[in-house]
Amino acid sequence: MTALEGHRAYDAVIVGGGHNGLVAAAYLARAGRSVLVLERLDRTGGAAVSTRPFAGVDARLSRYSYLVSLLPKKIVRDLGLDFRVRARTVSSYTPVERDGRPTGLLVGGGERRTREAFAKLTGSGREYEAWQRFYGMTGHVAERVFPTLTEPLPSRDELRRRVDDEEAWRVLFEEPIGVAIEDRFSDDLVRGVVLTDALIGTFADAHEPSLAQNRCFLYHVIGGGTGAWDVPVGGMGALTDALAAAARHAGAVVATGHEAVRIDTDGRTAEVAYRTPDGEGTVTARHVLVNASPQALAELTDDIPPALAEGAQLKVNMLLKRLPRLLDRSVDPREAFAGTFHIGEGYADLATAHAQAAAGELPGAPPSEIYCHSLTDPTILGPDLVQQGYQTLTLFGLHTPARLFDRDNDAVRDELLKSTLAQLDTHLAEPLADCLATDAEGRPCIEAKTPLDLERDLRLPGGNIFHRELSWPYAQEDTGRWGVETRQANVLLCGAGAVRGGGVSGVPGHNAAMAVLEGDGG
């Protein structure tokens, strides 16, 4: 006997209770459909969760995903979510040594201050003017493209007309992003700061012919129609908790500890088999929405799995007793870490790190970036920790593809973490280790996750945070009307592997729900 034995037929069964599955569940239940969410873990949220990773420490960290940009306000409004974000006062700080002295580039704190920071670093105003023109162009694209993410897929030509800027289309959609960066910027550090948005979770060179880096860059600069990346108040778990509450309030049944193991369908009615610690069962549904990877979908339906696109990132969570002092004394650590703190991300540094990893070696100077959630939103820390000045740090390492960890995941993780923190220490006036808090057992409050750890913990294929390579946000062969369709007419993909998936956006969940409602006549 399972928890669902009394109700065996639903309008929609959603496989996976991550944020996209919960978005779909809430929309469908609010439209009057009977909805069941099957989640194999004992909690909802998937990768968008907050946890207390350090024993005996009242710090609730966004454990995997950590910033919000791609979540449309439309979804928050439509579902009546109790969820807020806060803007960061600083966009980024990138330390560097120039002429034997520590300095850096601070972007934020007002236009005048940013202009002065560029002039101080580069010796003139040319790079800042180029920066303004470049991001004015991407801002225009963001305004035009972001609203289309929750609409039926436009054709390539339709999206091009909507962008209505041939230079922007060429730069972002047709030629490697490295061409535009090298044409527009001269300073190596400025070039690197621009390029980083093309590499988050994507293992590619600036001139990769496949343009995987361009697709990554595009999704990083269009969020919200502005490209801004905001801090989720209460942590990422606040979003998925609000989504789960909205789905349940609308009438959806959310069954945790229920793992879907098979989907059989004739295109009109589907049967979903699941198992729990107490036994097995089946339910029927008119529609099945799979909030899991395309590989998982293939396994569930006994189909041919798509090619694997490996992940390429190191995720590190830390709790500090205090923020470390910087060698560059012109910048307050509270400003430097409030935005994105770039480490080893000069343009040449990134190219070297990519070449080393492509050759099967760990980067000698691992590039990474850090930010401090608790500076913008201290609610994730207990009152005592806030009073004592504790802060969180989240680090995201680049150019570390899953293949590098195959020989010994634990040993390589330790080696990479050590060298990554050593890179950070070169810009600090005190070792980071001296600032780390300790847990109830006296252990340093730091944890690291490799792509293989994410594959094990979250079933992300190859540890890829996007489930597979990011897609262009327009229709291509076999993408369907909404970008969520599969070979089976009544089985939809509503996870990050859908077209216009990737990131914490809720877009695939919204679009899968719209496809169901549209097919049902509203």
Protein backbone atom coordinates (compact mmCIF):
# COMPACT_ATOMS: atom_id res chain seq x y z
CA MET A 1 0.00 0.00 0.00
CA THR A 2 1.40 3.42 -0.99
CA ALA A 3 0.35 6.92 -0.08
CA LEU A 4 -1.43 7.31 -3.44
CA GLU A 5 -3.40 4.07 -3.44
CA GLY A 6 -6.73 5.86 -3.06
CA HIS A 7 -6.33 8.10 -6.12
CA ARG A 8 -4.95 6.56 -9.28
CA ALA A 9 -5.99 8.86 -12.14
CA TYR A 10 -4.94 12.49 -12.74
CA ASP A 11 -5.12 15.04 -15.51
CA ALA A 12 -1.37 15.56 -15.18
CA VAL A 13 1.45 13.73 -13.43
CA ILE A 14 4.66 15.67 -12.99
CA VAL A 15 7.85 13.68 -12.56
CA GLY A 16 10.23 15.66 -10.36
CA GLY A 17 9.50 18.31 -7.73
CA GLY A 18 12.20 20.80 -8.67
CA HIS A 19 11.25 24.42 -9.23
CA ASN A 20 10.11 23.90 -12.83
CA GLY A 21 7.90 20.96 -11.89
CA LEU A 22 6.34 23.01 -9.11
CA VAL A 23 5.71 25.92 -11.49
CA ALA A 24 3.91 23.59 -13.90
CA ALA A 25 1.95 21.99 -11.05
CA ALA A 26 0.79 25.36 -9.72
CA TYR A 27 -0.33 26.62 -13.13
CA LEU A 28 -2.21 23.44 -13.99
CA ALA A 29 -3.86 23.08 -10.58
CA ARG A 30 -4.94 26.74 -10.67
CA ALA A 31 -6.54 26.00 -14.05
CA GLY A 32 -8.65 23.28 -12.45
CA ARG A 33 -6.62 20.23 -13.47
CA SER A 34 -5.98 17.37 -11.08
CA VAL A 35 -2.22 17.22 -10.59
CA LEU A 36 0.21 14.82 -8.94
CA VAL A 37 3.89 15.61 -8.41
CA LEU A 38 6.17 12.60 -7.87
CA GLU A 39 9.46 13.54 -6.18
CA ARG A 40 11.99 10.83 -5.32
CA LEU A 41 13.68 12.81 -2.52
CA ASP A 42 12.10 13.58 0.84
CA ARG A 43 11.82 17.27 -0.06
CA THR A 44 10.94 19.40 -3.05
CA GLY A 45 13.20 21.94 -4.71
CA GLY A 46 15.77 19.94 -6.67
CA ALA A 47 18.87 22.10 -7.12
CA ALA A 48 17.08 25.27 -5.95
CA VAL A 49 17.14 24.54 -2.23
CA SER A 50 18.46 26.05 0.98
CA THR A 51 20.05 23.82 3.60
CA ARG A 52 22.12 24.01 6.77
CA PRO A 53 25.26 22.22 5.55
CA PHE A 54 27.39 22.84 8.62
CA ALA A 55 26.60 20.88 11.79
CA GLY A 56 25.23 22.96 14.63
CA VAL A 57 25.49 26.25 12.72
CA ASP A 58 22.40 28.39 12.06
CA ALA A 59 23.26 29.30 8.46
CA ARG A 60 20.77 28.38 5.73
CA LEU A 61 22.68 28.48 2.43
CA SER A 62 21.53 28.24 -1.17
CA ARG A 63 23.39 24.99 -1.64
CA TYR A 64 23.54 24.62 -5.43
CA SER A 65 21.93 27.51 -7.34
CA TYR A 66 22.23 30.89 -5.72
CA LEU A 67 21.23 33.98 -7.74
CA VAL A 68 18.07 34.93 -9.64
CA SER A 69 17.89 36.58 -13.06
CA LEU A 70 15.87 34.45 -15.47
CA LEU A 71 12.72 34.03 -13.33
CA PRO A 72 10.04 36.16 -15.04
CA LYS A 73 8.05 38.46 -12.78
CA LYS A 74 5.05 37.17 -14.69
CA ILE A 75 5.39 33.77 -12.98
CA VAL A 76 5.71 35.36 -9.54
CA ARG A 77 2.59 37.46 -10.19
CA ASP A 78 0.54 34.71 -11.85
CA LEU A 79 1.12 32.28 -9.00
CA GLY A 80 0.89 34.86 -6.21
CA LEU A 81 4.25 33.82 -4.79
CA ASP A 82 5.49 35.15 -1.49
CA PHE A 83 8.98 35.68 -2.86
CA ARG A 84 11.25 38.70 -3.16
CA VAL A 85 14.69 39.52 -4.50
CA ARG A 86 17.13 42.30 -3.63
CA ALA A 87 19.46 44.07 -6.01
CA ARG A 88 23.18 44.02 -5.34
CA THR A 89 24.76 47.45 -4.92
CA VAL A 90 27.92 46.29 -6.71
CA SER A 91 28.00 44.30 -9.93
CA SER A 92 31.55 42.99 -9.69
CA TYR A 93 35.05 43.50 -8.39
CA THR A 94 38.08 41.98 -10.10
CA PRO A 95 41.45 42.21 -8.33
CA VAL A 96 44.71 42.28 -10.26
CA GLU A 97 48.32 43.29 -9.81
CA ARG A 98 49.49 46.10 -12.12
CA ASP A 99 52.99 47.61 -12.09
CA GLY A 100 53.79 45.68 -8.93
CA ARG A 101 50.87 47.02 -6.91
CA PRO A 102 47.50 45.49 -6.04
CA THR A 103 44.55 47.15 -7.72
CA GLY A 104 41.33 46.06 -9.37
CA LEU A 105 38.19 46.95 -11.26
CA LEU A 106 35.03 47.78 -9.31
CA VAL A 107 31.86 47.90 -11.41
CA GLY A 108 29.02 49.46 -9.44
CA GLY A 109 28.40 52.10 -6.83
CA GLY A 110 27.19 54.57 -9.43
CA GLU A 111 28.26 55.61 -12.93
CA ARG A 112 30.86 58.12 -11.78
CA ARG A 113 32.63 55.68 -9.52
CA THR A 114 32.63 52.95 -12.18
CA ARG A 115 34.02 55.36 -14.78
CA GLU A 116 36.79 56.35 -12.40
CA ALA A 117 37.60 52.69 -11.67
CA PHE A 118 38.02 51.98 -15.38
CA ALA A 119 40.23 55.04 -15.85
CA LYS A 120 42.38 54.13 -12.85
CA LEU A 121 42.91 50.58 -14.14
CA THR A 122 43.39 51.29 -17.85
CA GLY A 123 44.73 54.85 -17.91
CA SER A 124 41.94 56.34 -20.02
CA GLY A 125 38.19 56.45 -20.52
CA ARG A 126 38.16 54.37 -23.70
CA GLU A 127 37.42 51.01 -22.07
CA TYR A 128 34.57 52.44 -20.04
CA GLU A 129 33.01 54.00 -23.13
CA ALA A 130 33.34 50.66 -24.95
CA TRP A 131 31.78 48.94 -21.93
CA GLN A 132 28.81 51.30 -21.99
CA ARG A 133 28.24 50.78 -25.71
CA PHE A 134 28.56 47.00 -25.48
CA TYR A 135 26.18 46.60 -22.55
CA GLY A 136 23.82 49.13 -24.06
CA MET A 137 23.61 46.74 -27.00
CA THR A 138 23.04 43.66 -24.81
CA GLY A 139 20.46 45.61 -22.81
CA HIS A 140 18.54 46.29 -26.00
CA VAL A 141 18.62 42.57 -26.85
CA ALA A 142 17.48 41.69 -23.33
CA GLU A 143 14.45 43.97 -23.62
CA ARG A 144 13.46 42.33 -26.89
CA VAL A 145 14.27 38.68 -26.19
CA PHE A 146 13.37 38.09 -22.53
CA PRO A 147 9.58 38.56 -22.97
CA THR A 148 9.59 35.84 -25.66
CA LEU A 149 10.70 33.17 -23.18
CA THR A 150 7.14 32.68 -21.95
CA GLU A 151 5.58 32.83 -25.40
CA PRO A 152 5.40 30.14 -28.09
CA LEU A 153 8.80 29.73 -29.72
CA PRO A 154 9.47 32.36 -32.37
CA SER A 155 11.23 31.33 -35.55
CA ARG A 156 14.82 32.45 -36.02
CA ASP A 157 13.72 35.11 -38.48
CA GLU A 158 10.95 36.31 -36.16
CA LEU A 159 13.38 36.69 -33.26
CA ARG A 160 15.87 38.46 -35.50
CA ARG A 161 13.19 40.96 -36.54
CA ARG A 162 12.25 41.41 -32.90
CA VAL A 163 15.84 42.16 -31.92
CA ASP A 164 15.90 44.70 -34.76
CA ASP A 165 19.66 45.31 -34.53
CA GLU A 166 21.82 43.58 -37.12
CA GLU A 167 25.06 44.28 -35.30
CA ALA A 168 23.73 42.81 -32.05
CA TRP A 169 22.37 39.79 -33.89
CA ARG A 170 25.74 39.13 -35.53
CA VAL A 171 27.68 39.61 -32.29
CA LEU A 172 25.49 37.39 -30.13
CA PHE A 173 23.93 34.89 -32.54
CA GLU A 174 26.30 34.40 -35.45
CA GLU A 175 30.00 34.80 -34.60
CA PRO A 176 32.04 33.66 -31.57
CA ILE A 177 31.71 36.12 -28.70
CA GLY A 178 35.49 36.31 -28.53
CA VAL A 179 35.48 38.28 -31.79
CA ALA A 180 33.31 41.03 -30.34
CA ILE A 181 35.27 41.13 -27.08
CA GLU A 182 38.61 41.47 -28.84
CA ASP A 183 37.27 44.05 -31.29
CA ARG A 184 35.74 46.25 -28.61
CA PHE A 185 38.07 45.98 -25.62
CA SER A 186 41.84 46.30 -25.27
CA ASP A 187 42.50 45.62 -21.61
CA ASP A 188 43.01 41.94 -20.75
CA LEU A 189 41.18 42.19 -17.42
CA VAL A 190 38.19 43.99 -18.91
CA ARG A 191 38.01 41.40 -21.68
CA GLY A 192 38.02 38.62 -19.09
CA VAL A 193 35.24 40.17 -17.02
CA VAL A 194 33.05 40.34 -20.11
CA LEU A 195 33.85 36.77 -21.15
CA THR A 196 32.97 35.17 -17.80
CA ASP A 197 29.24 35.33 -18.51
CA ALA A 198 29.85 33.07 -21.50
CA LEU A 199 31.51 30.37 -19.39
CA ILE A 200 29.37 29.79 -16.30
CA GLY A 201 28.72 26.05 -16.33
CA THR A 202 29.85 25.88 -19.98
CA PHE A 203 33.20 24.40 -20.99
CA ALA A 204 34.14 26.41 -24.06
CA ASP A 205 36.74 28.74 -25.46
CA ALA A 206 35.93 32.32 -26.46
CA HIS A 207 36.22 31.27 -30.11
CA GLU A 208 34.43 27.90 -29.90
CA PRO A 209 32.88 27.32 -33.37
CA SER A 210 29.74 25.69 -31.92
CA LEU A 211 28.86 29.03 -30.22
CA ALA A 212 28.05 27.22 -26.98
CA GLN A 213 29.69 30.18 -25.23
CA ASN A 214 27.39 32.60 -27.06
CA ARG A 215 24.27 30.78 -25.92
CA CYS A 216 25.56 30.83 -22.34
CA PHE A 217 26.38 34.52 -22.62
CA LEU A 218 22.94 35.30 -24.04
CA TYR A 219 21.11 33.68 -21.14
CA HIS A 220 23.31 35.52 -18.67
CA VAL A 221 22.63 38.98 -20.09
CA ILE A 222 18.89 38.85 -20.90
CA GLY A 223 17.45 38.02 -17.46
CA GLY A 224 14.50 40.14 -16.44
CA GLY A 225 14.95 42.21 -19.58
CA THR A 226 17.95 43.91 -17.94
CA GLY A 227 20.56 41.22 -17.31
CA ALA A 228 20.67 42.00 -13.57
CA TRP A 229 21.37 39.13 -11.17
CA ASP A 230 19.59 39.53 -7.84
CA VAL A 231 19.76 37.90 -4.42
CA PRO A 232 16.77 35.74 -3.39
CA VAL A 233 15.58 36.92 0.03
CA GLY A 234 15.70 33.97 2.41
CA GLY A 235 17.84 31.96 0.01
CA MET A 236 16.92 29.91 -3.02
CA GLY A 237 14.83 27.60 -0.86
CA ALA A 238 12.45 30.51 -0.25
CA LEU A 239 11.48 30.34 -3.92
CA THR A 240 10.85 26.61 -4.05
CA ASP A 241 9.06 26.65 -0.70
CA ALA A 242 6.76 29.35 -2.09
CA LEU A 243 6.20 27.33 -5.26
CA ALA A 244 5.41 24.15 -3.33
CA ALA A 245 2.96 26.09 -1.17
CA ALA A 246 1.31 27.61 -4.26
CA ALA A 247 0.96 24.20 -5.93
CA ARG A 248 -0.55 22.60 -2.83
CA HIS A 249 -2.85 25.56 -2.18
CA ALA A 250 -4.17 25.22 -5.73
CA GLY A 251 -4.95 21.55 -5.10
CA ALA A 252 -1.92 19.70 -6.46
CA VAL A 253 -0.84 16.55 -4.62
CA VAL A 254 2.90 16.68 -3.93
CA ALA A 255 4.22 13.24 -3.04
CA THR A 256 7.83 13.23 -1.82
CA GLY A 257 9.67 9.94 -1.45
CA HIS A 258 7.98 8.71 -4.64
CA GLU A 259 10.36 7.87 -7.47
CA ALA A 260 8.97 7.50 -10.99
CA VAL A 261 10.53 4.46 -12.67
CA ARG A 262 8.62 4.03 -15.95
CA ILE A 263 6.28 5.86 -18.30
CA ASP A 264 4.11 3.93 -20.75
CA THR A 265 1.90 5.86 -23.14
CA ASP A 266 -0.16 5.45 -26.30
CA GLY A 267 -0.11 9.21 -26.91
CA ARG A 268 -3.50 9.78 -25.25
CA THR A 269 -3.26 8.14 -21.82
CA ALA A 270 -0.11 7.41 -19.88
CA GLU A 271 0.68 5.09 -17.01
CA VAL A 272 3.42 6.10 -14.60
CA ALA A 273 4.98 3.49 -12.35
CA TYR A 274 6.67 4.63 -9.15
CA ARG A 275 8.29 3.19 -6.07
CA THR A 276 8.56 4.25 -2.46
CA PRO A 277 10.40 2.82 0.53
CA ASP A 278 7.17 0.94 1.31
CA GLY A 279 6.35 -0.50 -2.09
CA GLU A 280 5.40 0.21 -5.68
CA GLY A 281 2.40 1.60 -7.49
CA THR A 282 1.04 3.09 -10.71
CA VAL A 283 -1.07 6.08 -11.65
CA THR A 284 -2.63 7.09 -14.95
CA ALA A 285 -2.67 10.53 -16.50
CA ARG A 286 -3.75 12.35 -19.63
CA HIS A 287 -0.43 14.21 -19.60
CA VAL A 288 2.99 13.54 -18.07
CA LEU A 289 5.42 16.40 -17.54
CA VAL A 290 9.00 15.34 -16.86
CA ASN A 291 10.99 17.75 -14.71
CA ALA A 292 14.20 15.80 -15.16
CA SER A 293 16.99 15.60 -17.71
CA PRO A 294 16.50 14.40 -21.30
CA GLN A 295 18.58 11.35 -20.32
CA ALA A 296 16.16 10.56 -17.49
CA LEU A 297 13.22 11.02 -19.85
CA ALA A 298 14.77 8.51 -22.27
CA GLU A 299 15.22 5.98 -19.47
CA LEU A 300 11.64 6.39 -18.28
CA THR A 301 10.21 5.92 -21.77
CA ASP A 302 12.73 3.35 -23.01
CA ASP A 303 13.92 5.74 -25.71
CA ILE A 304 17.37 6.47 -27.14
CA PRO A 305 19.17 8.92 -24.82
CA PRO A 306 20.62 12.12 -26.30
CA ALA A 307 24.34 12.83 -26.29
CA LEU A 308 25.77 13.75 -22.90
CA ALA A 309 27.04 17.30 -22.37
CA GLU A 310 29.26 17.22 -19.29
CA GLY A 311 29.18 19.85 -16.58
CA ALA A 312 32.21 21.99 -15.88
CA GLN A 313 32.09 23.75 -12.54
CA LEU A 314 33.17 23.61 -8.92
CA LYS A 315 30.64 24.87 -6.36
CA VAL A 316 31.94 25.85 -2.91
CA ASN A 317 29.91 27.05 0.08
CA MET A 318 31.61 28.76 3.02
CA LEU A 319 30.77 30.47 6.28
CA LEU A 320 33.22 33.06 7.58
CA LYS A 321 33.68 34.69 10.99
CA ARG A 322 34.55 37.85 9.09
CA LEU A 323 35.31 38.94 5.56
CA PRO A 324 39.04 38.87 4.74
CA ARG A 325 41.01 42.06 4.24
CA LEU A 326 42.12 42.82 0.68
CA LEU A 327 45.56 43.76 -0.60
CA ASP A 328 43.81 46.47 -2.61
CA ARG A 329 42.98 48.79 0.28
CA SER A 330 41.06 51.21 -1.92
CA VAL A 331 38.09 48.83 -1.85
CA ASP A 332 36.10 47.79 1.21
CA PRO A 333 35.69 43.99 1.40
CA ARG A 334 31.97 44.56 2.00
CA GLU A 335 31.78 46.12 -1.47
CA ALA A 336 34.15 43.71 -3.19
CA PHE A 337 32.31 40.60 -2.05
CA ALA A 338 28.78 42.02 -2.35
CA GLY A 339 29.03 41.78 -6.11
CA THR A 340 30.78 39.08 -8.12
CA PHE A 341 34.42 38.81 -7.03
CA HIS A 342 36.39 37.51 -10.04
CA ILE A 343 39.54 35.45 -9.45
CA GLY A 344 42.01 34.49 -12.17
CA GLU A 345 39.56 35.63 -14.84
CA GLY A 346 41.70 37.78 -17.06
CA TYR A 347 41.14 37.00 -20.73
CA ALA A 348 44.50 35.25 -21.15
CA ASP A 349 44.03 33.42 -17.83
CA LEU A 350 40.71 32.01 -19.00
CA ALA A 351 42.18 30.84 -22.29
CA THR A 352 45.07 29.13 -20.51
CA ALA A 353 42.78 27.42 -18.02
CA HIS A 354 40.55 26.14 -20.83
CA ALA A 355 43.51 24.80 -22.80
CA GLN A 356 44.88 22.99 -19.75
CA ALA A 357 41.52 21.41 -18.91
CA ALA A 358 40.97 20.41 -22.55
CA ALA A 359 44.32 18.62 -22.36
CA GLY A 360 43.10 16.66 -19.33
CA GLU A 361 44.88 18.71 -16.68
CA LEU A 362 43.53 20.75 -13.80
CA PRO A 363 44.01 24.47 -14.49
CA GLY A 364 47.20 25.68 -12.86
CA ALA A 365 45.46 28.91 -11.81
CA PRO A 366 41.79 27.92 -11.52
CA PRO A 367 39.43 30.76 -12.46
CA SER A 368 36.47 31.32 -10.18
CA GLU A 369 34.08 33.91 -8.83
CA ILE A 370 32.61 34.56 -5.41
CA TYR A 371 29.81 36.54 -3.89
CA CYS A 372 28.48 37.09 -0.37
CA HIS A 373 24.73 36.51 -0.06
CA SER A 374 24.55 37.62 3.56
CA LEU A 375 25.76 41.16 2.79
CA THR A 376 22.60 41.78 0.76
CA ASP A 377 20.29 39.44 2.69
CA PRO A 378 21.36 38.63 6.28
CA THR A 379 18.12 36.71 6.96
CA ILE A 380 19.81 33.43 5.99
CA LEU A 381 21.93 33.68 9.16
CA GLY A 382 20.76 33.28 12.73
CA PRO A 383 20.61 36.54 14.76
CA ASP A 384 23.65 35.58 16.86
CA LEU A 385 25.76 35.03 13.74
CA VAL A 386 24.64 38.34 12.26
CA GLN A 387 25.52 40.15 15.48
CA GLN A 388 28.99 38.57 15.51
CA GLY A 389 29.66 39.66 11.92
CA TYR A 390 29.56 36.24 10.24
CA GLN A 391 29.19 36.14 6.45
CA THR A 392 28.61 33.53 3.78
CA LEU A 393 30.70 33.10 0.64
CA THR A 394 29.62 31.20 -2.47
CA LEU A 395 32.33 30.28 -5.00
CA PHE A 396 31.76 29.03 -8.54
CA GLY A 397 34.79 27.62 -10.33
CA LEU A 398 35.11 27.54 -14.13
CA HIS A 399 36.81 25.26 -16.67
CA THR A 400 36.65 22.09 -14.57
CA PRO A 401 34.87 19.55 -16.80
CA ALA A 402 33.57 16.33 -15.27
CA ARG A 403 36.20 14.23 -17.06
CA LEU A 404 38.92 15.67 -14.82
CA PHE A 405 37.36 14.01 -11.77
CA ASP A 406 36.92 10.53 -13.23
CA ARG A 407 40.18 9.12 -11.88
CA ASP A 408 39.50 10.01 -8.23
CA ASN A 409 36.70 12.45 -7.49
CA ASP A 410 37.57 12.99 -3.82
CA ALA A 411 41.30 13.50 -4.37
CA VAL A 412 40.85 15.80 -7.37
CA ARG A 413 38.18 17.80 -5.53
CA ASP A 414 40.58 18.37 -2.62
CA GLU A 415 43.40 19.32 -4.97
CA LEU A 416 41.24 21.74 -6.95
CA LEU A 417 39.75 23.33 -3.85
CA LYS A 418 43.21 23.91 -2.41
CA SER A 419 44.54 25.55 -5.57
CA THR A 420 41.36 27.61 -6.06
CA LEU A 421 41.57 29.06 -2.55
CA ALA A 422 45.29 29.67 -3.06
CA GLN A 423 44.38 31.84 -6.05
CA LEU A 424 42.02 33.84 -3.87
CA ASP A 425 44.67 34.21 -1.19
CA THR A 426 46.99 35.99 -3.63
CA HIS A 427 44.60 38.95 -3.47
CA LEU A 428 44.03 38.90 0.29
CA ALA A 429 45.92 40.55 3.13
CA GLU A 430 45.23 37.50 5.31
CA PRO A 431 44.64 33.82 4.51
CA LEU A 432 41.04 32.89 3.94
CA ALA A 433 41.55 29.91 6.25
CA ASP A 434 41.99 32.32 9.17
CA CYS A 435 38.52 33.73 8.51
CA LEU A 436 36.59 30.45 8.18
CA ALA A 437 34.05 29.65 10.88
CA THR A 438 33.96 26.18 12.43
CA ASP A 439 31.03 23.88 12.99
CA ALA A 440 29.90 22.11 16.17
CA GLU A 441 32.61 19.50 15.65
CA GLY A 442 35.36 22.06 15.18
CA ARG A 443 35.61 21.53 11.41
CA PRO A 444 36.02 24.46 8.99
CA CYS A 445 32.70 25.53 7.49
CA ILE A 446 33.45 24.81 3.84
CA GLU A 447 32.05 22.30 1.37
CA ALA A 448 32.79 21.71 -2.31
CA LYS A 449 30.77 20.02 -5.04
CA THR A 450 32.20 18.76 -8.33
CA PRO A 451 30.21 17.82 -11.44
CA LEU A 452 30.34 14.20 -10.31
CA ASP A 453 28.96 15.17 -6.90
CA LEU A 454 26.06 16.94 -8.62
CA GLU A 455 25.44 13.91 -10.79
CA ARG A 456 25.28 11.74 -7.67
CA ASP A 457 23.26 14.12 -5.48
CA LEU A 458 20.85 15.57 -8.04
CA ARG A 459 21.08 13.17 -10.99
CA LEU A 460 22.33 15.91 -13.26
CA PRO A 461 23.80 14.04 -16.26
CA GLY A 462 27.54 14.62 -16.26
CA GLY A 463 26.96 17.17 -13.51
CA ASN A 464 25.64 19.61 -16.12
CA ILE A 465 23.65 22.33 -14.36
CA PHE A 466 21.74 22.98 -17.62
CA HIS A 467 21.01 19.23 -18.16
CA ARG A 468 22.45 19.56 -21.68
CA GLU A 469 23.89 22.29 -23.91
CA LEU A 470 21.85 25.45 -23.80
CA SER A 471 19.65 26.05 -26.83
CA TRP A 472 18.98 29.18 -28.85
CA PRO A 473 15.66 30.76 -27.79
CA TYR A 474 14.05 30.21 -31.16
CA ALA A 475 12.44 27.30 -32.97
CA GLN A 476 14.56 24.76 -34.79
CA GLU A 477 13.77 21.38 -36.31
CA ASP A 478 11.68 19.21 -33.95
CA THR A 479 11.57 21.79 -31.14
CA GLY A 480 7.77 22.01 -31.21
CA ARG A 481 5.56 25.02 -30.54
CA TRP A 482 6.65 25.59 -26.92
CA GLY A 483 10.02 23.85 -26.87
CA VAL A 484 8.82 21.22 -24.39
CA GLU A 485 7.37 18.62 -26.76
CA THR A 486 8.78 15.06 -27.03
CA ARG A 487 8.27 12.04 -29.31
CA GLN A 488 5.18 11.11 -27.25
CA ALA A 489 2.26 13.49 -27.80
CA ASN A 490 1.18 13.56 -24.17
CA VAL A 491 4.64 13.52 -22.55
CA LEU A 492 6.36 16.91 -22.16
CA LEU A 493 9.80 17.90 -20.90
CA CYS A 494 9.46 20.65 -18.30
CA GLY A 495 12.99 20.67 -16.88
CA ALA A 496 16.15 22.62 -17.67
CA GLY A 497 16.79 20.47 -20.75
CA ALA A 498 13.80 21.95 -22.56
CA VAL A 499 14.33 24.65 -25.16
CA ARG A 500 14.82 27.92 -23.22
CA GLY A 501 15.72 25.88 -20.14
CA GLY A 502 18.74 26.15 -17.88
CA GLY A 503 19.09 28.26 -14.78
CA VAL A 504 16.48 28.92 -12.13
CA SER A 505 13.78 30.41 -14.33
CA GLY A 506 10.55 28.45 -14.10
CA VAL A 507 10.25 29.05 -17.85
CA PRO A 508 10.13 25.37 -18.91
CA GLY A 509 7.53 24.68 -16.21
CA HIS A 510 5.40 27.59 -17.38
CA ASN A 511 5.71 26.61 -21.03
CA ALA A 512 4.87 22.95 -20.43
CA ALA A 513 1.76 23.99 -18.51
CA MET A 514 0.77 26.35 -21.34
CA ALA A 515 1.22 23.53 -23.87
CA VAL A 516 -1.12 21.30 -21.85
CA LEU A 517 -3.75 24.00 -21.39
CA GLU A 518 -3.56 25.07 -25.00
CA GLY A 519 -3.97 21.47 -26.19
CA ASP A 520 -6.92 21.00 -23.85
CA GLY A 521 -8.59 24.14 -25.14
CA GLY A 522 -7.64 26.31 -22.16
